[in-house]
Every structure is written in C-alpha cells, then in structure tokens.
C-alpha cells in the first residue's frame, strides 16, 4: 500500500521484488491516490510490478479492502512500503500455512530497519493484548524494545499479526469482513485478528522469516493524529469484540486509564496529544451506536470467547508497578 511514498518505494521495493518474485509471488502496489510521482516512477523503474490504482486516499484499511477485492489468490501479504525483506522470506510462511489449515494468518519476525539487531515496535515477534486493550509483542512491552538474541525464535500462537507484514488466507480475510474502513488507520489489523481468533481461527509468528521495518513512516509516534486514531480505534475495537460480561467493567477501567494518559501528556507539555485523547473518547461515543449491529454480529459468530493470547491482567500494572519490562517477564 502506497500513498505519496515515491522515495520510500525506491528504497524498499527492490528487495520485495527480488526476493518475492524468485519464489513465484506476484508483487502488486496499491496506490491510494498519490499526488507525487509514485505511479510514474513505478511504471518506469519497476515494470514487473502490477499496479492497483485507487482514485483517492482511502486510508490503510479501506485501501487494502478495495485492492484485495480485485485479486484472487490463496494467500496475500499486506506489506507496508517501508519494509525490507530477506531472501526467501515467503517460504517459511507459505510452508507453515500449507500444512496448518487451522491457521488464518501469520507474520515474520520484524526487526527495526534503523537498529537492525533490535525488534521493531509494531510487530516484533508477534502481538498480544491485555484485558483493557493494550497491545504488546514478544520483544516489545509498551516503549521497551528488546534486542533480538534469538529468544523468540520459536513458532508461537499470537493474538494479532502486524499489518506491516501480514500473511493471510484471502478467504479468511473476506469471511471475517476485512479491515474496518471506519478505522482509516491504526489498530485495524488487531481488530481483524480479534475477529478471526474469536471465530476459532489461529494466528502465529514464524520467526524463520525475517523482515526489517522502518515504522512511523506515515505518522510519527508523537503525532496527535496518530494518538487520536490509536485511542479512538482501540475503544471501538473493544466495543466491537468484548464478551458481554466484560464490556461494562473493562470500559469503566479504560475511561480512568484514558484520562490518566491525557494527564500524563499534559504533564509532559504535550497539550495536543492530551486533546487528541479527549477527542478520541468524544468521537468514540458518537460512533458507538452505529457499531451496535457490528457488535451483535461479532458476538453471534464468536465460538471462542476466551482467547489464550489475550491476558487477564493489566499490562500497565505489571509494567509500572511490578517493573516487568520484557515479554519473558
């Protein structure tokens, strides 16, 4: 998926083309209505790459939905434009999925492109989530990112696979309803994975496959727009997917935690981020009623209310009070 990322494509697409086409994969670039020279550059410099041209910027979620509606394949990979891949990176993923039909999707091990011996924040060696909706990874707890020393090189079941490099059965993607277009960007892959897990499908990390991700290339970590989308979409995701008995108690705690987060931003002098949290909660309340039927459908299709990779404890409590800063801890 690309939006005004001409130079980024020049940097990262060569490895994708080289190491994907040698394993007989077709490489597509879905362009989200770019206004830079992306499309012209792709046609001139990457003639083997197939283009899917969308007329406007639909965002990460709807952009992928529209692009994948034009494809027919057993497997597809949702790959960010700031990802460098390794030789034969697709083989371990394909080989595992071929013999595990119960698995809907998987991800490679994701290292940082800037610090190549460390895990990358948004994916690492597979994603999990705590009781109150806080995502974390094997290799990354909140803002603590570990060095990759082979400690998570086993194939493991996960709650969510990163949208930066999501290998998924197209049939599962479509049956689960794809990415939520109203999210626009951020949290949409975790929401999709929650639906898949609740419906009995599995997700894993296959660390034998390795990629390097820049991360934060579209919106920097401290960007208020990113803060808004993360908080709003996380609340929507909880509302859509929480079992009925958990909805009220979890959302009450989240209200407190969100206002603590906004206070933390204020104490750091980040007024715009504090305001983004308030706006996120306001918009969540405005949108909640429109998600009532979506929530009803999700609960009706749920066959696995208790998901092992969603913890029963608070990640924040363990991190700040008990000083547990690594996944192993």
Protein backbone atom coordinates (compact mmCIF):
# COMPACT_ATOMS: atom_id res chain seq x y z
CA UNK A 1 0.00 0.00 0.00
CA UNK A 2 1.43 3.37 -1.04
CA UNK A 3 0.47 6.98 -0.55
CA UNK A 4 2.92 9.65 -1.68
CA UNK A 5 5.85 7.39 -0.87
CA UNK A 6 7.88 7.62 -4.06
CA UNK A 7 11.31 7.69 -2.44
CA UNK A 8 10.34 5.06 0.09
CA UNK A 9 9.33 2.73 -2.72
CA UNK A 10 12.66 3.34 -4.43
CA UNK A 11 14.41 2.30 -1.23
CA UNK A 12 12.39 -0.75 -0.18
CA UNK A 13 10.63 -2.14 -3.23
CA UNK A 14 13.80 -3.63 -4.82
CA UNK A 15 14.17 -6.24 -2.04
CA UNK A 16 10.47 -7.05 -2.20
CA UNK A 17 10.57 -7.57 -5.96
CA UNK A 18 13.80 -9.56 -5.93
CA UNK A 19 13.05 -11.86 -3.02
CA UNK A 20 9.34 -12.34 -3.70
CA UNK A 21 9.38 -12.92 -7.43
CA UNK A 22 12.13 -15.54 -7.06
CA UNK A 23 9.59 -17.53 -5.02
CA UNK A 24 6.94 -17.12 -7.74
CA UNK A 25 4.92 -14.45 -5.95
CA UNK A 26 3.27 -11.58 -7.82
CA UNK A 27 4.08 -8.14 -6.44
CA UNK A 28 1.34 -5.52 -6.50
CA UNK A 29 1.47 -1.92 -5.38
CA UNK A 30 -1.91 -0.50 -4.43
CA UNK A 31 -1.69 3.29 -4.73
CA UNK A 32 -4.03 5.30 -2.52
CA UNK A 33 -4.49 8.26 -4.85
CA UNK A 34 -0.91 9.56 -4.57
CA UNK A 35 -0.24 13.08 -5.79
CA UNK A 36 3.54 12.67 -6.01
CA UNK A 37 5.50 10.86 -8.73
CA UNK A 38 4.92 7.38 -7.27
CA UNK A 39 2.88 5.91 -10.11
CA UNK A 40 5.08 7.27 -12.89
CA UNK A 41 8.20 6.06 -11.08
CA UNK A 42 6.73 2.57 -10.61
CA UNK A 43 5.87 2.29 -14.29
CA UNK A 44 9.34 3.39 -15.36
CA UNK A 45 11.56 1.70 -12.79
CA UNK A 46 9.58 -1.40 -11.72
CA UNK A 47 7.87 -2.70 -14.88
CA UNK A 48 7.22 -6.15 -13.38
CA UNK A 49 5.18 -4.70 -10.51
CA UNK A 50 1.44 -4.71 -11.07
CA UNK A 51 -0.46 -1.56 -10.14
CA UNK A 52 -3.83 -1.18 -8.47
CA UNK A 53 -4.76 2.49 -8.76
CA UNK A 54 -7.30 3.87 -6.29
CA UNK A 55 -8.79 7.26 -7.08
CA UNK A 56 -8.29 8.76 -3.61
CA UNK A 57 -6.62 8.15 -0.25
CA UNK A 58 -8.92 5.63 1.40
CA UNK A 59 -6.53 5.03 4.27
CA UNK A 60 -4.78 1.81 5.20
CA UNK A 61 -7.95 -0.15 5.97
CA UNK A 62 -10.29 0.65 3.09
CA UNK A 63 -7.36 0.93 0.70
CA UNK A 64 -6.50 -2.71 1.32
CA UNK A 65 -10.15 -3.78 1.18
CA UNK A 66 -10.54 -2.22 -2.27
CA UNK A 67 -7.21 -3.53 -3.52
CA UNK A 68 -7.78 -7.10 -2.34
CA UNK A 69 -11.27 -7.14 -3.84
CA UNK A 70 -9.52 -7.08 -7.23
CA UNK A 71 -7.35 -10.14 -6.52
CA UNK A 72 -7.87 -13.88 -6.49
CA UNK A 73 -5.25 -15.92 -4.63
CA UNK A 74 -5.00 -18.39 -1.79
CA UNK A 75 -2.61 -16.19 0.17
CA UNK A 76 -1.93 -12.46 0.17
CA UNK A 77 0.58 -10.37 2.11
CA UNK A 78 -0.29 -6.92 3.39
CA UNK A 79 3.12 -5.24 3.31
CA UNK A 80 3.98 -1.68 4.27
CA UNK A 81 6.00 0.37 1.81
CA UNK A 82 8.77 0.86 4.40
CA UNK A 83 9.65 -2.83 4.80
CA UNK A 84 12.84 -4.52 3.60
CA UNK A 85 12.52 -8.29 3.18
CA UNK A 86 15.13 -11.05 3.28
CA UNK A 87 15.95 -13.78 0.79
CA UNK A 88 13.26 -16.49 0.61
CA UNK A 89 11.24 -14.66 3.26
CA UNK A 90 7.98 -16.07 1.91
CA UNK A 91 8.95 -19.75 2.02
CA UNK A 92 8.72 -20.34 5.81
CA UNK A 93 5.36 -18.55 5.89
CA UNK A 94 3.95 -20.46 2.93
CA UNK A 95 5.31 -23.81 4.11
CA UNK A 96 3.75 -23.38 7.55
CA UNK A 97 0.37 -22.29 6.23
CA UNK A 98 0.27 -25.14 3.71
CA UNK A 99 0.32 -27.74 6.49
CA UNK A 100 -1.77 -25.84 9.07
CA UNK A 101 -5.22 -25.19 7.63
CA UNK A 102 -6.46 -24.07 11.05
CA UNK A 103 -4.20 -21.01 10.80
CA UNK A 104 -5.73 -17.96 9.12
CA UNK A 105 -2.61 -15.83 9.05
CA UNK A 106 0.93 -15.34 10.22
CA UNK A 107 3.74 -12.83 10.34
CA UNK A 108 7.52 -12.89 10.02
CA UNK A 109 9.86 -11.72 12.75
CA UNK A 110 10.04 -7.94 12.40
CA UNK A 111 13.28 -6.17 13.23
CA UNK A 112 13.98 -2.45 13.21
CA UNK A 113 15.44 -1.11 9.98
CA UNK A 114 17.33 1.61 11.87
CA UNK A 115 18.60 -0.68 14.65
CA UNK A 116 18.85 -3.95 12.83
CA UNK A 117 19.65 -6.14 15.83
CA UNK A 118 16.55 -4.96 17.71
CA UNK A 119 12.91 -5.83 17.29
CA UNK A 120 10.63 -3.30 15.65
CA UNK A 121 7.96 -1.67 17.80
CA UNK A 122 4.90 -2.51 15.69
CA UNK A 123 5.10 -6.28 15.36
CA UNK A 124 8.37 -7.69 16.76
CA UNK A 125 7.88 -11.47 17.13
CA UNK A 126 4.09 -11.46 17.31
CA UNK A 127 1.36 -9.49 19.05
CA UNK A 128 -0.75 -9.98 22.17
CA UNK A 129 -3.24 -7.81 24.05
CA UNK A 130 -4.14 -7.27 27.69
CA UNK A 131 -7.55 -7.22 29.35
CA UNK A 132 -8.00 -3.49 28.74
CA UNK A 133 -6.96 -3.36 25.10
CA UNK A 134 -3.25 -2.51 25.38
CA UNK A 135 -1.27 -4.31 22.66
CA UNK A 136 2.23 -5.68 23.25
CA UNK A 137 4.61 -8.07 21.50
CA UNK A 138 7.18 -10.74 22.02
CA UNK A 139 10.11 -8.35 22.03
CA UNK A 140 8.26 -5.11 22.89
CA UNK A 141 6.36 -4.10 26.02
CA UNK A 142 4.95 -0.56 25.79
CA UNK A 143 8.01 1.57 24.90
CA UNK A 144 10.62 -1.05 25.87
CA UNK A 145 12.00 -2.77 22.77
CA UNK A 146 14.32 -5.76 23.20
CA UNK A 147 17.42 -6.75 21.29
CA UNK A 148 16.84 -9.85 19.15
CA UNK A 149 19.10 -12.53 20.60
CA UNK A 150 17.10 -15.48 19.33
CA UNK A 151 14.95 -15.60 22.48
CA UNK A 152 11.73 -15.67 20.45
CA UNK A 153 12.77 -17.85 17.52
CA UNK A 154 10.11 -20.48 18.16
CA UNK A 155 6.87 -20.53 16.19
CA UNK A 156 4.20 -19.30 18.60
CA UNK A 157 0.46 -18.65 18.59
CA UNK A 158 -0.31 -14.93 18.78
CA UNK A 159 -3.34 -12.70 19.21
CA UNK A 160 -2.52 -10.35 16.36
CA UNK A 161 -0.15 -10.25 13.43
CA UNK A 162 1.29 -6.91 12.40
CA UNK A 163 -0.29 -5.11 9.49
CA UNK A 164 3.19 -4.14 8.37
CA UNK A 165 3.71 -7.69 7.08
CA UNK A 166 0.51 -9.71 7.42
CA UNK A 167 0.45 -13.02 5.53
CA UNK A 168 -3.18 -14.17 5.40
CA UNK A 169 -5.54 -16.51 3.59
CA UNK A 170 -7.67 -14.32 1.36
CA UNK A 171 -10.71 -16.48 2.13
CA UNK A 172 -10.32 -15.82 5.87
CA UNK A 173 -9.78 -12.12 5.26
CA UNK A 174 -13.03 -11.87 3.32
CA UNK A 175 -15.11 -14.10 5.59
CA UNK A 176 -14.11 -12.02 8.62
CA UNK A 177 -15.15 -8.83 6.82
CA UNK A 178 -11.71 -7.46 6.06
CA UNK A 179 -10.31 -4.38 7.76
CA UNK A 180 -12.73 -1.89 9.32
CA UNK A 181 -12.78 1.02 6.86
CA UNK A 182 -14.00 3.46 9.51
CA UNK A 183 -10.77 2.97 11.45
CA UNK A 184 -8.91 4.56 8.48
CA UNK A 185 -5.54 3.56 10.01
CA UNK A 186 -4.11 2.13 13.27
CA UNK A 187 -5.48 -0.85 15.24
CA UNK A 188 -7.34 -2.16 12.19
CA UNK A 189 -5.23 -5.33 11.93
CA UNK A 190 -5.65 -6.09 15.65
CA UNK A 191 -9.41 -5.73 15.25
CA UNK A 192 -9.38 -8.10 12.27
CA UNK A 193 -7.24 -10.61 14.16
CA UNK A 194 -9.57 -10.46 17.17
CA UNK A 195 -12.49 -11.41 14.92
CA UNK A 196 -10.50 -14.29 13.46
CA UNK A 197 -9.40 -15.60 16.86
CA UNK A 198 -12.92 -15.30 18.31
CA UNK A 199 -14.21 -17.36 15.39
CA UNK A 200 -11.76 -20.15 16.12
CA UNK A 201 -9.06 -19.35 13.60
CA UNK A 202 -5.39 -19.28 14.63
CA UNK A 203 -2.58 -16.78 14.07
CA UNK A 204 1.14 -17.42 14.52
CA UNK A 205 4.55 -15.82 14.19
CA UNK A 206 7.06 -17.72 12.04
CA UNK A 207 10.43 -16.20 13.06
CA UNK A 208 12.42 -18.09 10.43
CA UNK A 209 11.13 -15.41 8.07
CA UNK A 210 12.71 -12.03 8.81
CA UNK A 211 11.91 -8.51 7.62
CA UNK A 212 13.08 -5.03 8.65
CA UNK A 213 10.54 -2.25 9.19
CA UNK A 214 11.19 1.48 9.45
CA UNK A 215 7.98 2.15 11.39
CA UNK A 216 6.31 5.51 11.98
CA UNK A 217 6.93 6.48 8.37
CA UNK A 218 3.41 7.81 7.82
CA UNK A 219 2.71 9.37 11.20
CA UNK A 220 5.40 9.79 13.84
CA UNK A 221 4.82 8.30 17.29
CA UNK A 222 4.17 11.68 18.95
CA UNK A 223 1.82 12.92 16.19
CA UNK A 224 -1.56 13.96 17.70
CA UNK A 225 -3.41 12.48 14.73
CA UNK A 226 -1.82 9.12 15.47
CA UNK A 227 -2.70 9.47 19.15
CA UNK A 228 -6.31 10.22 18.22
CA UNK A 229 -6.61 7.25 15.86
CA UNK A 230 -4.97 4.83 18.29
CA UNK A 231 -7.22 5.79 21.22
CA UNK A 232 -10.46 6.05 19.23
CA UNK A 233 -9.91 2.85 17.28
CA UNK A 234 -8.84 0.94 20.37
CA UNK A 235 -12.10 1.88 22.09
CA UNK A 236 -14.10 0.92 19.00
CA UNK A 237 -12.28 -2.40 18.83
CA UNK A 238 -13.08 -3.16 22.47
CA UNK A 239 -16.74 -2.28 21.96
CA UNK A 240 -16.97 -4.43 18.84
CA UNK A 241 -15.36 -7.53 20.29
CA UNK A 242 -15.56 -7.75 24.09
CA UNK A 243 -17.76 -10.52 25.51
CA UNK A 244 -20.95 -9.13 27.05
CA UNK A 245 -19.94 -9.87 30.65
CA UNK A 246 -16.69 -7.91 30.23
CA UNK A 247 -17.94 -4.88 28.34
CA UNK A 248 -19.05 -2.64 31.22
CA UNK A 249 -16.20 -3.35 33.69
CA UNK A 250 -13.49 -3.10 31.03
CA UNK A 251 -14.82 0.13 29.56
CA UNK A 252 -15.10 1.70 33.03
CA UNK A 253 -11.44 0.97 33.72
CA UNK A 254 -10.47 2.24 30.27
CA UNK A 255 -12.18 5.55 30.99
CA UNK A 256 -9.93 6.02 34.02
CA UNK A 257 -6.81 4.87 32.14
CA UNK A 258 -7.51 7.21 29.23
CA UNK A 259 -7.79 10.24 31.49
CA UNK A 260 -4.58 9.20 33.23
CA UNK A 261 -2.95 9.06 29.78
CA UNK A 262 -4.22 12.54 28.94
CA UNK A 263 -2.90 13.86 32.27
CA UNK A 264 0.47 12.30 31.51
CA UNK A 265 0.57 14.12 28.16
CA UNK A 266 -0.28 17.41 29.91
CA UNK A 267 2.49 16.95 32.47
CA UNK A 268 4.92 16.44 29.59
CA UNK A 269 3.73 19.63 27.93
CA UNK A 270 2.09 17.70 25.07
CA UNK A 271 -1.22 19.53 25.04
CA UNK A 272 -2.11 18.46 21.50
CA UNK A 273 -1.77 14.79 22.42
CA UNK A 274 -3.84 15.27 25.59
CA UNK A 275 -6.53 16.94 23.49
CA UNK A 276 -6.34 14.06 20.99
CA UNK A 277 -7.24 11.59 23.77
CA UNK A 278 -10.29 13.69 24.75
CA UNK A 279 -11.36 13.97 21.11
CA UNK A 280 -10.91 10.24 20.62
CA UNK A 281 -13.24 9.47 23.53
CA UNK A 282 -15.76 12.03 22.26
CA UNK A 283 -15.82 10.56 18.76
CA UNK A 284 -15.99 7.00 20.12
CA UNK A 285 -19.18 7.93 21.99
CA UNK A 286 -20.61 9.47 18.81
CA UNK A 287 -19.80 6.38 16.73
CA UNK A 288 -20.71 3.70 19.27
CA UNK A 289 -24.40 3.43 18.33
CA UNK A 290 -23.52 2.85 14.67
CA UNK A 291 -21.48 -0.20 15.75
CA UNK A 292 -24.32 -1.91 17.61
CA UNK A 293 -25.18 -4.27 14.74
CA UNK A 294 -21.49 -4.96 14.09
CA UNK A 295 -21.02 -5.92 17.73
CA UNK A 296 -24.10 -8.15 17.60
CA UNK A 297 -22.76 -9.94 14.51
CA UNK A 298 -19.34 -10.44 16.07
CA UNK A 299 -20.80 -11.95 19.23
CA UNK A 300 -23.10 -14.23 17.23
CA UNK A 301 -20.14 -15.58 15.25
CA UNK A 302 -17.91 -15.98 18.31
CA UNK A 303 -17.13 -19.58 19.16
CA UNK A 304 -14.13 -18.87 21.41
CA UNK A 305 -14.93 -16.18 23.97
CA UNK A 306 -11.77 -16.87 25.97
CA UNK A 307 -8.65 -16.34 23.87
CA UNK A 308 -5.39 -17.52 25.41
CA UNK A 309 -3.31 -14.75 23.82
CA UNK A 310 -5.46 -12.05 25.45
CA UNK A 311 -4.24 -11.72 29.02
CA UNK A 312 -6.49 -11.48 32.05
CA UNK A 313 -4.22 -8.92 33.73
CA UNK A 314 -3.38 -5.25 33.18
CA UNK A 315 -0.20 -4.69 31.20
CA UNK A 316 0.18 -1.21 32.72
CA UNK A 317 0.04 -2.60 36.25
CA UNK A 318 2.73 -5.18 35.56
CA UNK A 319 4.90 -2.70 33.69
CA UNK A 320 4.79 0.28 36.05
CA UNK A 321 4.12 -1.32 39.44
CA UNK A 322 5.89 -4.67 39.16
CA UNK A 323 8.58 -3.46 36.70
CA UNK A 324 8.03 -6.27 34.20
CA UNK A 325 9.61 -4.80 31.06
CA UNK A 326 10.18 -7.82 28.81
CA UNK A 327 7.81 -10.37 27.32
CA UNK A 328 9.61 -13.22 29.12
CA UNK A 329 8.93 -11.49 32.43
